[in-house]
Amino acid sequence: MVDIVIPISVSGIWYPIDLEEPKKSGSIGLTLILEPFSYARVTQGEGIYLNGKLVKISNQEILQAKLGKLKVDLQSSVPLGYGYGMSASISIAYALGASELFSMNPDNAISVAHESEVVSGNGLGDVVSQYYGRNLVLRESPGVPPYGRITIFELESDQLYSKPIEAIPTRSILKPLKQALELIDEFKKSPSLQNFISCSRRFTEAMGFKSPYPDSIRKKGLILKLGSPESESWIRHKIANQGAFVE
């Protein structure tokens, strides 16, 4: 039995890069690493459970074939399929569970998790961001280390809230926009949480996702905003100061 703690993540800007090898592929982009953490218990067995309900992720068969059969029980405050990086969280739990139970190198297991996400179209950088990163992550090159390189920005935490709206397939938003690279450069000139929201809002609006709230972005099927929420149905977040780890 292995207990694993994983932060969630919300990407604001991304630029897909598809190379021949999945471990070198992924995306350049900016991603916030956030609490509340999700908690996974991994044992030998089979099946993935989210808050007690059996779920299926599209890279599950790849994980099982390459890492072995495992049962993952994950408790989370956010839903799967809305843009919180939950498929990556499950993949990380599976990989770290396999690393502990089957005596595998954790970096190799995480590489399998990343590759499975890329091949299945679940995500292009969440595994790398949630495991190797914290706070705000800039993926400067795609893939897992040593191919993928990240920079971490230590931003001041502020009032952050999100609201899940609808489940949307990740594949539907994996298109390259040249504006992404320009906005990443603009953020780097003045890194702050406010500027992350500002640059990300321009990017997500160019992708066709608009939020009706000020100081906010709509990323995939959720809205992330600074400041007090409009109702109690919003989820409160803090910036996470560490990535996923085995307890």
C-alpha atoms as a PDB file:
ATOM      1  CA  MET A   1       0.000   0.000   0.000  1.00  0.00           C
ATOM      2  CA  VAL A   2       1.332   3.428  -0.985  1.00  0.00           C
ATOM      3  CA  ASP A   3      -0.108   6.841  -0.045  1.00  0.00           C
ATOM      4  CA  ILE A   4       0.574   9.707  -2.439  1.00  0.00           C
ATOM      5  CA  VAL A   5      -0.186  13.441  -2.277  1.00  0.00           C
ATOM      6  CA  ILE A   6      -0.699  15.350  -5.536  1.00  0.00           C
ATOM      7  CA  PRO A   7      -1.454  19.034  -6.191  1.00  0.00           C
ATOM      8  CA  ILE A   8      -3.903  20.086  -8.879  1.00  0.00           C
ATOM      9  CA  SER A   9      -2.931  22.362 -11.756  1.00  0.00           C
ATOM     10  CA  VAL A  10      -4.529  24.966 -13.978  1.00  0.00           C
ATOM     11  CA  SER A  11      -2.725  25.898 -17.179  1.00  0.00           C
ATOM     12  CA  GLY A  12      -3.228  29.425 -18.472  1.00  0.00           C
ATOM     13  CA  ILE A  13      -1.141  29.339 -21.655  1.00  0.00           C
ATOM     14  CA  TRP A  14       0.059  26.364 -23.691  1.00  0.00           C
ATOM     15  CA  TYR A  15       1.737  25.726 -27.029  1.00  0.00           C
ATOM     16  CA  PRO A  16       1.730  22.057 -28.164  1.00  0.00           C
ATOM     17  CA  ILE A  17       4.897  20.584 -29.637  1.00  0.00           C
ATOM     18  CA  ASP A  18       4.637  17.115 -31.161  1.00  0.00           C
ATOM     19  CA  LEU A  19       7.975  15.439 -31.804  1.00  0.00           C
ATOM     20  CA  GLU A  20       8.663  11.840 -32.852  1.00  0.00           C
ATOM     21  CA  GLU A  21       9.226  10.570 -29.308  1.00  0.00           C
ATOM     22  CA  PRO A  22       6.456  11.086 -26.707  1.00  0.00           C
ATOM     23  CA  LYS A  23       9.015  11.598 -23.913  1.00  0.00           C
ATOM     24  CA  LYS A  24      10.335  14.628 -25.837  1.00  0.00           C
ATOM     25  CA  SER A  25       6.875  15.888 -26.801  1.00  0.00           C
ATOM     26  CA  GLY A  26       4.375  17.945 -24.851  1.00  0.00           C
ATOM     27  CA  SER A  27       3.951  21.683 -24.575  1.00  0.00           C
ATOM     28  CA  ILE A  28       5.565  24.963 -23.680  1.00  0.00           C
ATOM     29  CA  GLY A  29       3.373  26.854 -21.258  1.00  0.00           C
ATOM     30  CA  LEU A  30       2.464  28.428 -17.923  1.00  0.00           C
ATOM     31  CA  THR A  31       0.733  26.382 -15.234  1.00  0.00           C
ATOM     32  CA  LEU A  32      -0.367  27.228 -11.685  1.00  0.00           C
ATOM     33  CA  ILE A  33       0.185  24.447  -9.137  1.00  0.00           C
ATOM     34  CA  LEU A  34      -2.559  24.603  -6.531  1.00  0.00           C
ATOM     35  CA  GLU A  35      -4.049  23.224  -3.345  1.00  0.00           C
ATOM     36  CA  PRO A  36      -6.229  21.566  -2.183  1.00  0.00           C
ATOM     37  CA  PHE A  37      -4.093  18.480  -2.660  1.00  0.00           C
ATOM     38  CA  SER A  38      -5.565  15.195  -3.834  1.00  0.00           C
ATOM     39  CA  TYR A  39      -4.803  12.045  -1.841  1.00  0.00           C
ATOM     40  CA  ALA A  40      -4.284   8.667  -3.468  1.00  0.00           C
ATOM     41  CA  ARG A  41      -3.900   5.185  -2.032  1.00  0.00           C
ATOM     42  CA  VAL A  42      -2.344   2.700  -4.467  1.00  0.00           C
ATOM     43  CA  THR A  43      -2.371  -1.068  -4.002  1.00  0.00           C
ATOM     44  CA  GLN A  44      -1.868  -4.091  -6.204  1.00  0.00           C
ATOM     45  CA  GLY A  45      -5.134  -4.837  -7.949  1.00  0.00           C
ATOM     46  CA  GLU A  46      -7.090  -3.161 -10.704  1.00  0.00           C
ATOM     47  CA  GLY A  47      -9.337  -0.133 -11.249  1.00  0.00           C
ATOM     48  CA  ILE A  48      -9.211   3.628 -10.780  1.00  0.00           C
ATOM     49  CA  TYR A  49     -11.592   5.202  -8.280  1.00  0.00           C
ATOM     50  CA  LEU A  50     -12.215   8.918  -7.832  1.00  0.00           C
ATOM     51  CA  ASN A  51     -14.042   9.802  -4.611  1.00  0.00           C
ATOM     52  CA  GLY A  52     -15.243   6.196  -4.427  1.00  0.00           C
ATOM     53  CA  LYS A  53     -16.579   6.066  -8.003  1.00  0.00           C
ATOM     54  CA  LEU A  54     -14.995   3.843 -10.662  1.00  0.00           C
ATOM     55  CA  VAL A  55     -13.640   6.005 -13.520  1.00  0.00           C
ATOM     56  CA  LYS A  56     -11.841   5.359 -16.782  1.00  0.00           C
ATOM     57  CA  ILE A  57      -9.092   7.503 -18.275  1.00  0.00           C
ATOM     58  CA  SER A  58      -7.968   7.098 -21.875  1.00  0.00           C
ATOM     59  CA  ASN A  59      -4.334   6.309 -21.000  1.00  0.00           C
ATOM     60  CA  GLN A  60      -5.255   3.683 -18.409  1.00  0.00           C
ATOM     61  CA  GLU A  61      -4.391   0.687 -20.604  1.00  0.00           C
ATOM     62  CA  ILE A  62      -0.964   2.153 -21.403  1.00  0.00           C
ATOM     63  CA  LEU A  63      -0.220   2.664 -17.711  1.00  0.00           C
ATOM     64  CA  GLN A  64      -1.326  -0.872 -16.912  1.00  0.00           C
ATOM     65  CA  ALA A  65       0.691  -2.425 -19.754  1.00  0.00           C
ATOM     66  CA  LYS A  66       3.906  -0.555 -18.913  1.00  0.00           C
ATOM     67  CA  LEU A  67       3.706  -0.255 -15.129  1.00  0.00           C
ATOM     68  CA  GLY A  68       1.668  -3.283 -14.049  1.00  0.00           C
ATOM     69  CA  LYS A  69      -1.829  -3.753 -12.676  1.00  0.00           C
ATOM     70  CA  LEU A  70      -2.690  -1.408  -9.835  1.00  0.00           C
ATOM     71  CA  LYS A  71      -5.718  -0.124  -7.986  1.00  0.00           C
ATOM     72  CA  VAL A  72      -5.792   3.636  -7.456  1.00  0.00           C
ATOM     73  CA  ASP A  73      -8.185   5.176  -4.908  1.00  0.00           C
ATOM     74  CA  LEU A  74      -8.033   8.974  -5.182  1.00  0.00           C
ATOM     75  CA  GLN A  75      -9.865  11.552  -3.093  1.00  0.00           C
ATOM     76  CA  SER A  76     -10.111  15.043  -4.583  1.00  0.00           C
ATOM     77  CA  SER A  77     -12.002  18.307  -4.151  1.00  0.00           C
ATOM     78  CA  VAL A  78     -12.186  18.876  -7.920  1.00  0.00           C
ATOM     79  CA  PRO A  79     -13.767  16.843 -10.742  1.00  0.00           C
ATOM     80  CA  LEU A  80     -12.160  14.957 -13.620  1.00  0.00           C
ATOM     81  CA  GLY A  81     -12.364  16.394 -17.137  1.00  0.00           C
ATOM     82  CA  TYR A  82     -12.806  20.088 -16.320  1.00  0.00           C
ATOM     83  CA  GLY A  83      -9.229  21.388 -16.602  1.00  0.00           C
ATOM     84  CA  TYR A  84      -7.713  20.777 -13.167  1.00  0.00           C
ATOM     85  CA  GLY A  85      -5.107  18.296 -14.435  1.00  0.00           C
ATOM     86  CA  MET A  86      -6.882  15.402 -12.752  1.00  0.00           C
ATOM     87  CA  SER A  87      -5.964  12.804 -15.384  1.00  0.00           C
ATOM     88  CA  ALA A  88      -2.338  13.777 -14.756  1.00  0.00           C
ATOM     89  CA  SER A  89      -2.907  13.453 -11.000  1.00  0.00           C
ATOM     90  CA  ILE A  90      -4.238   9.930 -11.495  1.00  0.00           C
ATOM     91  CA  SER A  91      -1.346   9.077 -13.830  1.00  0.00           C
ATOM     92  CA  ILE A  92       1.191  10.389 -11.310  1.00  0.00           C
ATOM     93  CA  ALA A  93      -0.419   8.360  -8.511  1.00  0.00           C
ATOM     94  CA  TYR A  94      -0.291   5.263 -10.717  1.00  0.00           C
ATOM     95  CA  ALA A  95       3.371   5.873 -11.621  1.00  0.00           C
ATOM     96  CA  LEU A  96       4.571   6.583  -8.080  1.00  0.00           C
ATOM     97  CA  GLY A  97       2.570   3.624  -6.793  1.00  0.00           C
ATOM     98  CA  ALA A  98       4.277   1.372  -9.351  1.00  0.00           C
ATOM     99  CA  SER A  99       7.648   2.850  -8.417  1.00  0.00           C
ATOM    100  CA  GLU A 100       7.159   1.964  -4.753  1.00  0.00           C
ATOM    101  CA  LEU A 101       5.393  -1.399  -5.131  1.00  0.00           C
ATOM    102  CA  PHE A 102       7.480  -2.771  -7.991  1.00  0.00           C
ATOM    103  CA  SER A 103      10.832  -1.106  -7.101  1.00  0.00           C
ATOM    104  CA  MET A 104      10.987   1.050 -10.232  1.00  0.00           C
ATOM    105  CA  ASN A 105      12.980   4.233 -10.737  1.00  0.00           C
ATOM    106  CA  PRO A 106      10.448   7.028 -10.004  1.00  0.00           C
ATOM    107  CA  ASP A 107      11.681   9.260 -12.842  1.00  0.00           C
ATOM    108  CA  ASN A 108      11.255   6.383 -15.299  1.00  0.00           C
ATOM    109  CA  ALA A 109       7.750   5.710 -13.990  1.00  0.00           C
ATOM    110  CA  ILE A 110       6.840   9.415 -14.259  1.00  0.00           C
ATOM    111  CA  SER A 111       8.181   9.392 -17.824  1.00  0.00           C
ATOM    112  CA  VAL A 112       5.733   6.572 -18.636  1.00  0.00           C
ATOM    113  CA  ALA A 113       2.911   8.632 -17.115  1.00  0.00           C
ATOM    114  CA  HIS A 114       3.834  11.668 -19.224  1.00  0.00           C
ATOM    115  CA  GLU A 115       4.207   9.635 -22.414  1.00  0.00           C
ATOM    116  CA  SER A 116       0.846   7.944 -21.854  1.00  0.00           C
ATOM    117  CA  GLU A 117      -0.838  11.340 -21.455  1.00  0.00           C
ATOM    118  CA  VAL A 118       0.763  12.655 -24.649  1.00  0.00           C
ATOM    119  CA  VAL A 119      -0.136   9.588 -26.734  1.00  0.00           C
ATOM    120  CA  SER A 120      -3.741   9.519 -25.494  1.00  0.00           C
ATOM    121  CA  GLY A 121      -4.248  13.292 -25.761  1.00  0.00           C
ATOM    122  CA  ASN A 122      -5.092  13.644 -22.067  1.00  0.00           C
ATOM    123  CA  GLY A 123      -2.543  16.404 -21.521  1.00  0.00           C
ATOM    124  CA  LEU A 124       0.816  17.684 -22.671  1.00  0.00           C
ATOM    125  CA  GLY A 125       2.486  19.098 -19.580  1.00  0.00           C
ATOM    126  CA  ASP A 126       0.450  18.502 -16.424  1.00  0.00           C
ATOM    127  CA  VAL A 127       2.413  15.428 -15.291  1.00  0.00           C
ATOM    128  CA  VAL A 128       5.710  17.318 -15.534  1.00  0.00           C
ATOM    129  CA  SER A 129       4.251  20.414 -13.856  1.00  0.00           C
ATOM    130  CA  GLN A 130       2.561  18.573 -10.974  1.00  0.00           C
ATOM    131  CA  TYR A 131       5.521  16.301 -10.206  1.00  0.00           C
ATOM    132  CA  TYR A 132       8.607  18.427 -10.840  1.00  0.00           C
ATOM    133  CA  GLY A 133       7.054  21.836 -10.254  1.00  0.00           C
ATOM    134  CA  ARG A 134       5.415  24.015  -7.635  1.00  0.00           C
ATOM    135  CA  ASN A 135       3.925  27.519  -7.413  1.00  0.00           C
ATOM    136  CA  LEU A 136       3.890  28.729 -11.032  1.00  0.00           C
ATOM    137  CA  VAL A 137       5.669  26.586 -13.625  1.00  0.00           C
ATOM    138  CA  LEU A 138       6.989  27.718 -16.980  1.00  0.00           C
ATOM    139  CA  ARG A 139       7.663  24.737 -19.234  1.00  0.00           C
ATOM    140  CA  GLU A 140      10.419  26.142 -21.425  1.00  0.00           C
ATOM    141  CA  SER A 141      10.762  23.016 -23.567  1.00  0.00           C
ATOM    142  CA  PRO A 142       8.468  20.006 -24.019  1.00  0.00           C
ATOM    143  CA  GLY A 143       8.857  16.537 -22.551  1.00  0.00           C
ATOM    144  CA  VAL A 144      10.191  15.061 -19.336  1.00  0.00           C
ATOM    145  CA  PRO A 145      13.617  15.977 -17.940  1.00  0.00           C
ATOM    146  CA  PRO A 146      16.298  16.107 -19.220  1.00  0.00           C
ATOM    147  CA  TYR A 147      14.468  17.004 -22.461  1.00  0.00           C
ATOM    148  CA  GLY A 148      11.846  19.142 -20.803  1.00  0.00           C
ATOM    149  CA  ARG A 149      13.105  22.150 -18.882  1.00  0.00           C
ATOM    150  CA  ILE A 150      11.063  24.126 -16.375  1.00  0.00           C
ATOM    151  CA  THR A 151      11.438  27.415 -14.531  1.00  0.00           C
ATOM    152  CA  ILE A 152       9.581  27.983 -11.268  1.00  0.00           C
ATOM    153  CA  PHE A 153       8.282  31.435 -10.345  1.00  0.00           C
ATOM    154  CA  GLU A 154       7.735  32.001  -6.624  1.00  0.00           C
ATOM    155  CA  LEU A 155       4.620  34.155  -6.721  1.00  0.00           C
ATOM    156  CA  GLU A 156       2.795  35.708  -3.810  1.00  0.00           C
ATOM    157  CA  SER A 157      -0.333  33.766  -2.929  1.00  0.00           C
ATOM    158  CA  ASP A 158      -3.612  35.620  -3.198  1.00  0.00           C
ATOM    159  CA  GLN A 159      -7.304  34.867  -3.002  1.00  0.00           C
ATOM    160  CA  LEU A 160      -7.859  32.306  -5.742  1.00  0.00           C
ATOM    161  CA  TYR A 161     -11.146  30.592  -6.491  1.00  0.00           C
ATOM    162  CA  SER A 162     -12.400  28.294  -9.217  1.00  0.00           C
ATOM    163  CA  LYS A 163     -15.747  27.065 -10.438  1.00  0.00           C
ATOM    164  CA  PRO A 164     -16.191  23.931 -12.565  1.00  0.00           C
ATOM    165  CA  ILE A 165     -18.678  24.524 -15.391  1.00  0.00           C
ATOM    166  CA  GLU A 166     -18.585  21.607 -17.829  1.00  0.00           C
ATOM    167  CA  ALA A 167     -16.446  18.629 -18.788  1.00  0.00           C
ATOM    168  CA  ILE A 168     -14.582  19.189 -22.057  1.00  0.00           C
ATOM    169  CA  PRO A 169     -12.182  16.759 -23.818  1.00  0.00           C
ATOM    170  CA  THR A 170      -8.571  17.966 -23.654  1.00  0.00           C
ATOM    171  CA  ARG A 171      -7.975  17.048 -27.299  1.00  0.00           C
ATOM    172  CA  SER A 172     -10.361  19.832 -28.330  1.00  0.00           C
ATOM    173  CA  ILE A 173      -8.017  22.553 -27.007  1.00  0.00           C
ATOM    174  CA  LEU A 174      -4.660  21.179 -28.184  1.00  0.00           C
ATOM    175  CA  LYS A 175      -4.083  23.559 -31.071  1.00  0.00           C
ATOM    176  CA  PRO A 176      -1.016  25.777 -31.461  1.00  0.00           C
ATOM    177  CA  LEU A 177      -1.511  29.546 -31.345  1.00  0.00           C
ATOM    178  CA  LYS A 178       1.530  31.725 -32.065  1.00  0.00           C
ATOM    179  CA  GLN A 179       0.108  34.258 -29.615  1.00  0.00           C
ATOM    180  CA  ALA A 180       0.926  31.804 -26.793  1.00  0.00           C
ATOM    181  CA  LEU A 181       4.670  32.328 -27.187  1.00  0.00           C
ATOM    182  CA  GLU A 182       4.281  36.103 -27.275  1.00  0.00           C
ATOM    183  CA  LEU A 183       2.167  36.093 -24.102  1.00  0.00           C
ATOM    184  CA  ILE A 184       4.639  33.845 -22.275  1.00  0.00           C
ATOM    185  CA  ASP A 185       7.398  36.363 -23.073  1.00  0.00           C
ATOM    186  CA  GLU A 186       5.142  39.171 -21.846  1.00  0.00           C
ATOM    187  CA  PHE A 187       4.549  37.342 -18.552  1.00  0.00           C
ATOM    188  CA  LYS A 188       8.280  36.753 -18.049  1.00  0.00           C
ATOM    189  CA  LYS A 189       8.939  40.508 -18.181  1.00  0.00           C
ATOM    190  CA  SER A 190       6.681  41.051 -15.163  1.00  0.00           C
ATOM    191  CA  PRO A 191       5.960  37.757 -13.363  1.00  0.00           C
ATOM    192  CA  SER A 192       3.046  38.086 -10.953  1.00  0.00           C
ATOM    193  CA  LEU A 193      -0.241  36.340 -10.284  1.00  0.00           C
ATOM    194  CA  GLN A 194      -2.131  39.323 -11.704  1.00  0.00           C
ATOM    195  CA  ASN A 195      -0.059  39.249 -14.900  1.00  0.00           C
ATOM    196  CA  PHE A 196      -0.548  35.491 -15.204  1.00  0.00           C
ATOM    197  CA  ILE A 197      -4.315  36.039 -15.161  1.00  0.00           C
ATOM    198  CA  SER A 198      -4.053  38.962 -17.591  1.00  0.00           C
ATOM    199  CA  CYS A 199      -1.886  37.142 -20.153  1.00  0.00           C
ATOM    200  CA  SER A 200      -3.817  33.887 -19.743  1.00  0.00           C
ATOM    201  CA  ARG A 201      -7.156  35.638 -20.267  1.00  0.00           C
ATOM    202  CA  ARG A 202      -5.989  37.011 -23.619  1.00  0.00           C
ATOM    203  CA  PHE A 203      -4.806  33.555 -24.608  1.00  0.00           C
ATOM    204  CA  THR A 204      -7.905  31.648 -23.527  1.00  0.00           C
ATOM    205  CA  GLU A 205     -10.186  34.221 -25.181  1.00  0.00           C
ATOM    206  CA  ALA A 206      -8.223  33.685 -28.408  1.00  0.00           C
ATOM    207  CA  MET A 207      -8.951  29.976 -27.926  1.00  0.00           C
ATOM    208  CA  GLY A 208     -12.659  30.792 -27.717  1.00  0.00           C
ATOM    209  CA  PHE A 209     -13.127  30.553 -23.938  1.00  0.00           C
ATOM    210  CA  LYS A 210     -14.460  33.689 -22.251  1.00  0.00           C
ATOM    211  CA  SER A 211     -15.134  34.359 -18.582  1.00  0.00           C
ATOM    212  CA  PRO A 212     -17.844  36.825 -17.525  1.00  0.00           C
ATOM    213  CA  TYR A 213     -15.941  37.755 -14.350  1.00  0.00           C
ATOM    214  CA  PRO A 214     -13.174  40.368 -13.973  1.00  0.00           C
ATOM    215  CA  ASP A 215      -9.655  39.192 -13.026  1.00  0.00           C
ATOM    216  CA  SER A 216     -10.439  35.696 -14.207  1.00  0.00           C
ATOM    217  CA  ILE A 217      -9.878  33.185 -16.980  1.00  0.00           C
ATOM    218  CA  ARG A 218     -11.919  30.377 -18.377  1.00  0.00           C
ATOM    219  CA  LYS A 219      -9.630  27.393 -18.915  1.00  0.00           C
ATOM    220  CA  LYS A 220     -11.377  24.481 -20.617  1.00  0.00           C
ATOM    221  CA  GLY A 221     -14.406  23.703 -18.397  1.00  0.00           C
ATOM    222  CA  LEU A 222     -13.567  25.859 -15.362  1.00  0.00           C
ATOM    223  CA  ILE A 223     -13.245  29.492 -14.365  1.00  0.00           C
ATOM    224  CA  LEU A 224     -10.310  30.609 -12.201  1.00  0.00           C
ATOM    225  CA  LYS A 225     -10.482  34.039 -10.623  1.00  0.00           C
ATOM    226  CA  LEU A 226      -8.715  36.369  -8.226  1.00  0.00           C
ATOM    227  CA  GLY A 227     -10.677  37.910  -5.366  1.00  0.00           C
ATOM    228  CA  SER A 228     -13.790  36.945  -3.489  1.00  0.00           C
ATOM    229  CA  PRO A 229     -16.220  34.524  -5.129  1.00  0.00           C
ATOM    230  CA  GLU A 230     -19.768  35.365  -6.165  1.00  0.00           C
ATOM    231  CA  SER A 231     -21.235  32.461  -4.165  1.00  0.00           C
ATOM    232  CA  GLU A 232     -20.312  29.648  -1.793  1.00  0.00           C
ATOM    233  CA  SER A 233     -20.198  27.159  -4.663  1.00  0.00           C
ATOM    234  CA  TRP A 234     -16.686  28.287  -5.657  1.00  0.00           C
ATOM    235  CA  ILE A 235     -13.632  26.251  -4.620  1.00  0.00           C
ATOM    236  CA  ARG A 236     -10.908  28.098  -2.702  1.00  0.00           C
ATOM    237  CA  HIS A 237      -7.265  27.524  -3.657  1.00  0.00           C
ATOM    238  CA  LYS A 238      -3.814  28.293  -2.336  1.00  0.00           C
ATOM    239  CA  ILE A 239      -0.642  28.154  -4.368  1.00  0.00           C
ATOM    240  CA  ALA A 240       1.038  24.794  -3.732  1.00  0.00           C
ATOM    241  CA  ASN A 241       4.663  25.035  -2.662  1.00  0.00           C
ATOM    242  CA  GLN A 242       5.542  21.457  -3.598  1.00  0.00           C
ATOM    243  CA  GLY A 243       4.794  18.909  -6.248  1.00  0.00           C
ATOM    244  CA  ALA A 244       3.512  15.350  -5.854  1.00  0.00           C
ATOM    245  CA  PHE A 245       5.192  13.131  -3.262  1.00  0.00           C
ATOM    246  CA  VAL A 246       4.928   9.757  -1.540  1.00  0.00           C
ATOM    247  CA  GLU A 247       3.873  10.055   2.100  1.00  0.00           C
END
